[in-house]
Amino acid sequence: MESVTTRPSPNVVGVANSKHGVEWCGHFQMPLHYPRYTQADYEAMPEWRLDCLLKEYGLPIFGDVESKRKFAMGAFLWIK
């Protein structure tokens, strides 16, 4: 009888010896916390921060800064 060994999928790349053991590349993981910014925060947020926030949640980062602001507020704010 042959022994069965577990191997990582050939489509998933791992980097050993990172600070958390194995760091997987090419794998999206939803952030643990929902952003807690107010509408005023989004209106004052610089474009680079909007880009980082949208990228962190796997959302598109196309358009000018105003369209990114509108998109982020629509995605993350629950406006009454």
Protein backbone atom coordinates (compact mmCIF):
# COMPACT_ATOMS: atom_id res chain seq x y z
CA MET A 1 0.00 0.00 0.00
CA GLU A 2 1.28 3.45 -0.93
CA SER A 3 1.48 6.21 1.63
CA VAL A 4 -0.41 9.41 0.95
CA THR A 5 1.41 12.69 1.43
CA THR A 6 -0.13 16.10 1.31
CA ARG A 7 1.37 18.58 -1.06
CA PRO A 8 0.40 22.15 -1.79
CA SER A 9 -1.52 22.71 -4.99
CA PRO A 10 0.80 23.49 -7.92
CA ASN A 11 -1.24 26.66 -8.57
CA VAL A 12 -0.61 28.06 -5.08
CA VAL A 13 2.78 29.51 -4.26
CA GLY A 14 3.96 29.47 -0.65
CA VAL A 15 6.92 31.21 0.92
CA ALA A 16 8.37 29.33 3.89
CA ASN A 17 9.98 30.96 6.90
CA SER A 18 7.83 34.08 6.86
CA LYS A 19 6.87 35.49 10.26
CA HIS A 20 3.61 33.47 10.19
CA GLY A 21 5.02 30.18 8.93
CA VAL A 22 3.91 29.98 5.31
CA GLU A 23 2.71 33.02 3.40
CA TRP A 24 0.46 32.20 0.43
CA CYS A 25 0.60 34.35 -2.70
CA GLY A 26 -2.30 34.78 -5.09
CA HIS A 27 -4.96 34.13 -2.47
CA PHE A 28 -7.54 36.74 -1.45
CA GLN A 29 -8.49 36.83 2.22
CA MET A 30 -11.26 39.14 3.40
CA PRO A 31 -9.97 41.60 6.01
CA LEU A 32 -11.26 40.92 9.51
CA HIS A 33 -12.74 44.35 10.12
CA TYR A 34 -15.20 46.42 8.13
CA PRO A 35 -13.87 49.97 7.58
CA ARG A 36 -15.23 52.37 10.18
CA TYR A 37 -14.86 55.69 8.44
CA THR A 38 -17.49 58.43 8.43
CA GLN A 39 -18.66 60.28 5.35
CA ALA A 40 -16.44 63.21 6.38
CA ASP A 41 -13.46 60.83 6.58
CA TYR A 42 -14.05 59.61 3.03
CA GLU A 43 -14.49 63.19 1.75
CA ALA A 44 -11.12 64.22 3.25
CA MET A 45 -9.26 60.95 2.47
CA PRO A 46 -6.32 61.32 0.06
CA GLU A 47 -6.44 59.32 -3.17
CA TRP A 48 -3.58 57.00 -2.18
CA ARG A 49 -5.49 55.96 0.97
CA LEU A 50 -8.66 55.33 -1.04
CA ASP A 51 -6.64 53.17 -3.43
CA CYS A 52 -5.21 51.16 -0.51
CA LEU A 53 -8.62 50.70 1.08
CA LEU A 54 -10.30 49.56 -2.14
CA LYS A 55 -7.41 47.24 -2.99
CA GLU A 56 -7.51 45.72 0.51
CA TYR A 57 -11.12 44.67 -0.06
CA GLY A 58 -10.54 43.51 -3.64
CA LEU A 59 -12.59 46.33 -5.14
CA PRO A 60 -11.84 48.19 -8.40
CA ILE A 61 -9.65 51.28 -8.17
CA PHE A 62 -10.44 52.92 -11.51
CA GLY A 63 -11.42 56.50 -12.22
CA ASP A 64 -10.62 59.85 -10.71
CA VAL A 65 -10.47 60.55 -6.99
CA GLU A 66 -14.09 61.71 -6.81
CA SER A 67 -15.41 58.53 -8.42
CA LYS A 68 -13.29 56.43 -6.03
CA ARG A 69 -14.69 58.42 -3.08
CA LYS A 70 -18.26 57.89 -4.27
CA PHE A 71 -17.63 54.20 -4.81
CA ALA A 72 -16.04 53.74 -1.35
CA MET A 73 -18.87 55.61 0.36
CA GLY A 74 -21.44 53.53 -1.52
CA ALA A 75 -19.66 50.30 -0.62
CA PHE A 76 -18.88 50.99 3.03
CA LEU A 77 -21.35 53.57 4.36
CA TRP A 78 -24.89 52.76 5.35
CA ILE A 79 -26.40 56.18 4.71
CA LYS A 80 -29.94 56.63 5.99
